N, C-alpha and C. Protein backbone atom coordinates (compact mmCIF):
# COMPACT_ATOMS: atom_id res chain seq x y z
N MET A 1 -11.39 -23.90 -6.98
CA MET A 1 -10.94 -24.23 -5.63
C MET A 1 -9.75 -23.34 -5.21
N PHE A 2 -8.83 -23.11 -6.15
CA PHE A 2 -7.67 -22.29 -5.82
C PHE A 2 -8.05 -20.84 -5.55
N MET A 3 -9.06 -20.34 -6.23
CA MET A 3 -9.51 -18.98 -5.96
C MET A 3 -10.10 -18.86 -4.56
N PHE A 4 -10.82 -19.88 -4.12
CA PHE A 4 -11.37 -19.90 -2.76
C PHE A 4 -10.24 -19.93 -1.74
N ILE A 5 -9.24 -20.76 -1.98
CA ILE A 5 -8.09 -20.85 -1.07
C ILE A 5 -7.36 -19.50 -1.03
N TYR A 6 -7.21 -18.87 -2.18
CA TYR A 6 -6.58 -17.55 -2.22
C TYR A 6 -7.37 -16.54 -1.39
N GLY A 7 -8.70 -16.54 -1.55
CA GLY A 7 -9.52 -15.59 -0.79
C GLY A 7 -9.38 -15.77 0.70
N VAL A 8 -9.37 -17.01 1.16
CA VAL A 8 -9.24 -17.28 2.60
C VAL A 8 -7.85 -16.91 3.10
N THR A 9 -6.80 -17.32 2.37
CA THR A 9 -5.45 -17.04 2.85
C THR A 9 -5.12 -15.55 2.78
N PHE A 10 -5.64 -14.84 1.77
CA PHE A 10 -5.40 -13.41 1.68
C PHE A 10 -6.05 -12.68 2.85
N THR A 11 -7.28 -13.07 3.18
CA THR A 11 -7.99 -12.42 4.28
C THR A 11 -7.30 -12.71 5.62
N CYS A 12 -6.78 -13.90 5.78
CA CYS A 12 -6.11 -14.25 7.04
C CYS A 12 -4.66 -13.78 7.08
N GLY A 13 -4.08 -13.50 5.94
CA GLY A 13 -2.66 -13.16 5.90
C GLY A 13 -2.40 -11.73 5.50
N SER A 14 -1.97 -11.54 4.27
CA SER A 14 -1.51 -10.22 3.83
C SER A 14 -2.63 -9.20 3.66
N GLY A 15 -3.86 -9.63 3.61
CA GLY A 15 -4.97 -8.68 3.51
C GLY A 15 -5.16 -7.83 4.75
N THR A 16 -4.70 -8.33 5.88
CA THR A 16 -4.84 -7.59 7.13
C THR A 16 -3.65 -6.68 7.43
N VAL A 17 -2.58 -6.81 6.66
CA VAL A 17 -1.37 -6.03 6.94
C VAL A 17 -1.61 -4.53 6.91
N PRO A 18 -2.29 -3.98 5.88
CA PRO A 18 -2.50 -2.52 5.90
C PRO A 18 -3.29 -2.04 7.12
N CYS A 19 -4.28 -2.79 7.53
CA CYS A 19 -5.07 -2.39 8.70
C CYS A 19 -4.22 -2.38 9.97
N VAL A 20 -3.41 -3.41 10.15
CA VAL A 20 -2.56 -3.48 11.32
C VAL A 20 -1.48 -2.40 11.27
N LEU A 21 -0.91 -2.21 10.10
CA LEU A 21 0.15 -1.22 9.97
C LEU A 21 -0.35 0.19 10.26
N PHE A 22 -1.50 0.55 9.70
CA PHE A 22 -2.04 1.88 9.95
C PHE A 22 -2.47 2.05 11.41
N ALA A 23 -2.92 0.99 12.03
CA ALA A 23 -3.30 1.08 13.43
C ALA A 23 -2.08 1.31 14.32
N GLU A 24 -0.90 0.85 13.87
CA GLU A 24 0.30 1.01 14.68
C GLU A 24 1.02 2.33 14.44
N ILE A 25 1.03 2.82 13.21
CA ILE A 25 1.92 3.95 12.93
C ILE A 25 1.31 5.32 13.15
N PHE A 26 -0.01 5.42 13.21
CA PHE A 26 -0.63 6.72 13.39
C PHE A 26 -0.98 6.98 14.84
N SER A 27 -0.90 8.23 15.21
CA SER A 27 -1.25 8.61 16.57
C SER A 27 -2.76 8.48 16.76
N PRO A 28 -3.20 8.32 17.99
CA PRO A 28 -4.64 8.13 18.24
C PRO A 28 -5.53 9.26 17.74
N GLU A 29 -4.98 10.48 17.63
CA GLU A 29 -5.79 11.61 17.19
C GLU A 29 -6.25 11.48 15.74
N ILE A 30 -5.41 10.90 14.89
CA ILE A 30 -5.77 10.82 13.47
C ILE A 30 -5.95 9.38 12.99
N LYS A 31 -5.88 8.43 13.89
CA LYS A 31 -5.94 7.02 13.52
C LYS A 31 -7.24 6.66 12.80
N SER A 32 -8.37 7.16 13.27
CA SER A 32 -9.65 6.78 12.66
C SER A 32 -9.75 7.32 11.23
N VAL A 33 -9.32 8.55 11.00
CA VAL A 33 -9.37 9.12 9.66
C VAL A 33 -8.39 8.39 8.73
N ALA A 34 -7.21 8.08 9.22
CA ALA A 34 -6.22 7.38 8.40
C ALA A 34 -6.70 5.99 8.01
N ILE A 35 -7.35 5.29 8.93
CA ILE A 35 -7.84 3.95 8.63
C ILE A 35 -8.99 4.02 7.63
N ILE A 36 -9.83 5.03 7.72
CA ILE A 36 -10.91 5.20 6.75
C ILE A 36 -10.34 5.44 5.35
N ILE A 37 -9.35 6.32 5.26
CA ILE A 37 -8.72 6.60 3.96
C ILE A 37 -8.03 5.35 3.43
N GLU A 38 -7.34 4.62 4.29
CA GLU A 38 -6.67 3.38 3.87
C GLU A 38 -7.67 2.37 3.37
N PHE A 39 -8.78 2.20 4.05
CA PHE A 39 -9.78 1.22 3.64
C PHE A 39 -10.42 1.62 2.31
N GLU A 40 -10.68 2.92 2.13
CA GLU A 40 -11.22 3.38 0.85
C GLU A 40 -10.23 3.13 -0.28
N TRP A 41 -8.97 3.41 -0.06
CA TRP A 41 -7.96 3.16 -1.07
C TRP A 41 -7.85 1.66 -1.38
N PHE A 42 -7.95 0.84 -0.36
CA PHE A 42 -7.92 -0.62 -0.54
C PHE A 42 -9.09 -1.08 -1.40
N MET A 43 -10.27 -0.53 -1.17
CA MET A 43 -11.44 -0.90 -1.96
C MET A 43 -11.34 -0.38 -3.40
N VAL A 44 -10.80 0.82 -3.59
CA VAL A 44 -10.62 1.35 -4.95
C VAL A 44 -9.64 0.48 -5.73
N CYS A 45 -8.53 0.11 -5.10
CA CYS A 45 -7.56 -0.74 -5.77
C CYS A 45 -8.14 -2.12 -6.08
N SER A 46 -8.92 -2.68 -5.17
CA SER A 46 -9.58 -3.96 -5.43
C SER A 46 -10.55 -3.84 -6.59
N PHE A 47 -11.29 -2.74 -6.65
CA PHE A 47 -12.21 -2.53 -7.77
C PHE A 47 -11.45 -2.44 -9.09
N ILE A 48 -10.33 -1.74 -9.09
CA ILE A 48 -9.54 -1.61 -10.32
C ILE A 48 -9.04 -2.97 -10.79
N VAL A 49 -8.56 -3.78 -9.86
CA VAL A 49 -8.10 -5.12 -10.22
C VAL A 49 -9.24 -5.94 -10.80
N LEU A 50 -10.39 -5.91 -10.15
CA LEU A 50 -11.54 -6.65 -10.68
C LEU A 50 -12.03 -6.09 -12.01
N PHE A 51 -11.93 -4.79 -12.20
CA PHE A 51 -12.39 -4.14 -13.42
C PHE A 51 -11.50 -4.48 -14.63
N ILE A 52 -10.19 -4.56 -14.40
CA ILE A 52 -9.28 -4.81 -15.52
C ILE A 52 -9.02 -6.30 -15.75
N TYR A 53 -9.47 -7.17 -14.86
CA TYR A 53 -9.16 -8.60 -14.97
C TYR A 53 -9.70 -9.20 -16.27
N ASN A 54 -10.99 -9.09 -16.53
CA ASN A 54 -11.57 -9.70 -17.73
C ASN A 54 -11.00 -9.12 -19.03
N PRO A 55 -10.87 -7.80 -19.18
CA PRO A 55 -10.24 -7.31 -20.41
C PRO A 55 -8.80 -7.79 -20.60
N LEU A 56 -8.05 -7.90 -19.51
CA LEU A 56 -6.68 -8.41 -19.62
C LEU A 56 -6.66 -9.87 -20.03
N VAL A 57 -7.53 -10.69 -19.44
CA VAL A 57 -7.60 -12.10 -19.81
C VAL A 57 -7.98 -12.24 -21.27
N THR A 58 -8.91 -11.43 -21.73
CA THR A 58 -9.32 -11.48 -23.13
C THR A 58 -8.18 -11.04 -24.05
N ALA A 59 -7.41 -10.05 -23.64
CA ALA A 59 -6.36 -9.50 -24.50
C ALA A 59 -5.11 -10.39 -24.54
N VAL A 60 -4.64 -10.87 -23.39
CA VAL A 60 -3.35 -11.58 -23.36
C VAL A 60 -3.44 -13.02 -22.87
N GLY A 61 -4.57 -13.43 -22.34
CA GLY A 61 -4.69 -14.79 -21.83
C GLY A 61 -4.57 -14.84 -20.32
N LEU A 62 -4.93 -16.00 -19.78
CA LEU A 62 -5.00 -16.15 -18.33
C LEU A 62 -3.61 -16.20 -17.67
N GLY A 63 -2.68 -16.90 -18.26
CA GLY A 63 -1.35 -17.06 -17.67
C GLY A 63 -0.62 -15.74 -17.49
N PRO A 64 -0.48 -14.94 -18.54
CA PRO A 64 0.24 -13.67 -18.37
C PRO A 64 -0.40 -12.72 -17.36
N VAL A 65 -1.72 -12.78 -17.21
CA VAL A 65 -2.38 -11.92 -16.23
C VAL A 65 -1.94 -12.31 -14.82
N PHE A 66 -1.89 -13.60 -14.53
CA PHE A 66 -1.46 -14.02 -13.21
C PHE A 66 0.02 -13.76 -13.00
N TYR A 67 0.83 -13.86 -14.06
CA TYR A 67 2.24 -13.50 -13.93
C TYR A 67 2.38 -12.01 -13.60
N PHE A 68 1.58 -11.18 -14.25
CA PHE A 68 1.61 -9.74 -13.98
C PHE A 68 1.27 -9.46 -12.51
N PHE A 69 0.21 -10.09 -12.01
CA PHE A 69 -0.17 -9.87 -10.61
C PHE A 69 0.86 -10.46 -9.65
N ALA A 70 1.50 -11.56 -10.04
CA ALA A 70 2.56 -12.14 -9.20
C ALA A 70 3.75 -11.20 -9.11
N VAL A 71 4.11 -10.56 -10.22
CA VAL A 71 5.22 -9.60 -10.22
C VAL A 71 4.87 -8.40 -9.35
N ALA A 72 3.63 -7.93 -9.43
CA ALA A 72 3.20 -6.81 -8.58
C ALA A 72 3.30 -7.19 -7.11
N CYS A 73 2.90 -8.40 -6.76
CA CYS A 73 3.01 -8.86 -5.37
C CYS A 73 4.47 -8.98 -4.94
N PHE A 74 5.31 -9.46 -5.82
CA PHE A 74 6.73 -9.58 -5.51
C PHE A 74 7.33 -8.21 -5.21
N PHE A 75 7.01 -7.21 -6.03
CA PHE A 75 7.54 -5.87 -5.79
C PHE A 75 6.99 -5.26 -4.51
N SER A 76 5.76 -5.58 -4.15
CA SER A 76 5.23 -5.07 -2.88
C SER A 76 5.95 -5.71 -1.70
N VAL A 77 6.33 -6.97 -1.82
CA VAL A 77 7.10 -7.63 -0.75
C VAL A 77 8.47 -6.98 -0.62
N ILE A 78 9.13 -6.72 -1.74
CA ILE A 78 10.44 -6.06 -1.72
C ILE A 78 10.33 -4.68 -1.08
N PHE A 79 9.30 -3.92 -1.46
CA PHE A 79 9.10 -2.59 -0.88
C PHE A 79 8.91 -2.69 0.63
N CYS A 80 8.06 -3.59 1.08
CA CYS A 80 7.81 -3.74 2.52
C CYS A 80 9.06 -4.16 3.26
N PHE A 81 9.84 -5.04 2.67
CA PHE A 81 11.05 -5.52 3.34
C PHE A 81 12.06 -4.40 3.55
N PHE A 82 12.21 -3.53 2.57
CA PHE A 82 13.24 -2.50 2.67
C PHE A 82 12.77 -1.19 3.29
N PHE A 83 11.48 -0.87 3.19
CA PHE A 83 11.04 0.47 3.60
C PHE A 83 10.13 0.51 4.82
N LEU A 84 9.64 -0.61 5.30
CA LEU A 84 8.81 -0.59 6.50
C LEU A 84 9.60 -1.07 7.70
N PRO A 85 9.68 -0.24 8.74
CA PRO A 85 10.45 -0.66 9.91
C PRO A 85 9.66 -1.67 10.75
N GLU A 86 10.38 -2.43 11.53
CA GLU A 86 9.75 -3.38 12.46
C GLU A 86 9.13 -2.58 13.60
N THR A 87 7.85 -2.83 13.88
CA THR A 87 7.14 -2.09 14.91
C THR A 87 6.70 -2.97 16.07
N LYS A 88 7.12 -4.19 16.09
CA LYS A 88 6.69 -5.13 17.13
C LYS A 88 7.19 -4.66 18.51
N GLY A 89 6.25 -4.46 19.40
CA GLY A 89 6.57 -4.10 20.77
C GLY A 89 6.97 -2.65 20.98
N LEU A 90 6.82 -1.80 19.97
CA LEU A 90 7.21 -0.39 20.11
C LEU A 90 5.98 0.47 20.37
N THR A 91 6.18 1.56 21.06
CA THR A 91 5.09 2.49 21.31
C THR A 91 4.90 3.39 20.09
N VAL A 92 3.78 4.11 20.05
CA VAL A 92 3.49 5.01 18.93
C VAL A 92 4.55 6.09 18.82
N ASP A 93 5.02 6.61 19.94
CA ASP A 93 6.04 7.67 19.91
C ASP A 93 7.34 7.17 19.27
N VAL A 94 7.75 5.97 19.63
CA VAL A 94 8.98 5.41 19.06
C VAL A 94 8.81 5.15 17.56
N ILE A 95 7.64 4.66 17.17
CA ILE A 95 7.37 4.41 15.75
C ILE A 95 7.40 5.72 14.97
N GLN A 96 6.83 6.77 15.55
CA GLN A 96 6.86 8.07 14.87
C GLN A 96 8.29 8.56 14.66
N THR A 97 9.16 8.35 15.65
CA THR A 97 10.55 8.77 15.49
C THR A 97 11.27 7.93 14.44
N LEU A 98 10.90 6.66 14.28
CA LEU A 98 11.48 5.85 13.21
C LEU A 98 11.19 6.45 11.84
N PHE A 99 9.96 6.88 11.63
CA PHE A 99 9.60 7.48 10.35
C PHE A 99 10.20 8.87 10.18
N GLU A 100 10.36 9.61 11.27
CA GLU A 100 10.99 10.93 11.19
C GLU A 100 12.45 10.81 10.81
N LYS A 101 13.14 9.82 11.37
CA LYS A 101 14.55 9.63 11.05
C LYS A 101 14.73 9.27 9.59
N ARG A 102 13.84 8.48 9.03
CA ARG A 102 13.92 8.12 7.61
C ARG A 102 13.71 9.34 6.74
N ASN A 103 12.81 10.23 7.10
CA ASN A 103 12.56 11.44 6.31
C ASN A 103 13.74 12.40 6.39
N ILE A 104 14.37 12.50 7.55
CA ILE A 104 15.52 13.40 7.71
C ILE A 104 16.70 12.90 6.87
N ARG A 105 16.93 11.59 6.82
CA ARG A 105 18.04 11.04 6.05
C ARG A 105 17.86 11.28 4.56
N ARG A 106 16.63 11.32 4.06
CA ARG A 106 16.38 11.47 2.63
C ARG A 106 16.49 12.91 2.18
N ARG A 107 16.42 13.88 3.06
CA ARG A 107 16.48 15.30 2.68
C ARG A 107 17.83 15.70 2.33
């Protein structure tokens, strides 16, 4: 039952974040290619998680596997909080300048 609830909440919640984010940050000229690459990467990562799940459960048990995935999710939240700018209500040009300013500061 919990796996079903996870599937539904992931699809309605954080599973859509990459699609929305890529739709906002890329200019219309390259948006379709960027979304295709993002979706392929999303599917490859999902395949890797599904591929390593059973061997990990066999090797270390069910609890540590879920702790490992929970830690990975926690670090992704921290990354998003500190490195992704707020794009609500901004145009593509303004969003592009937000990312340009971050790149200039790091050089």
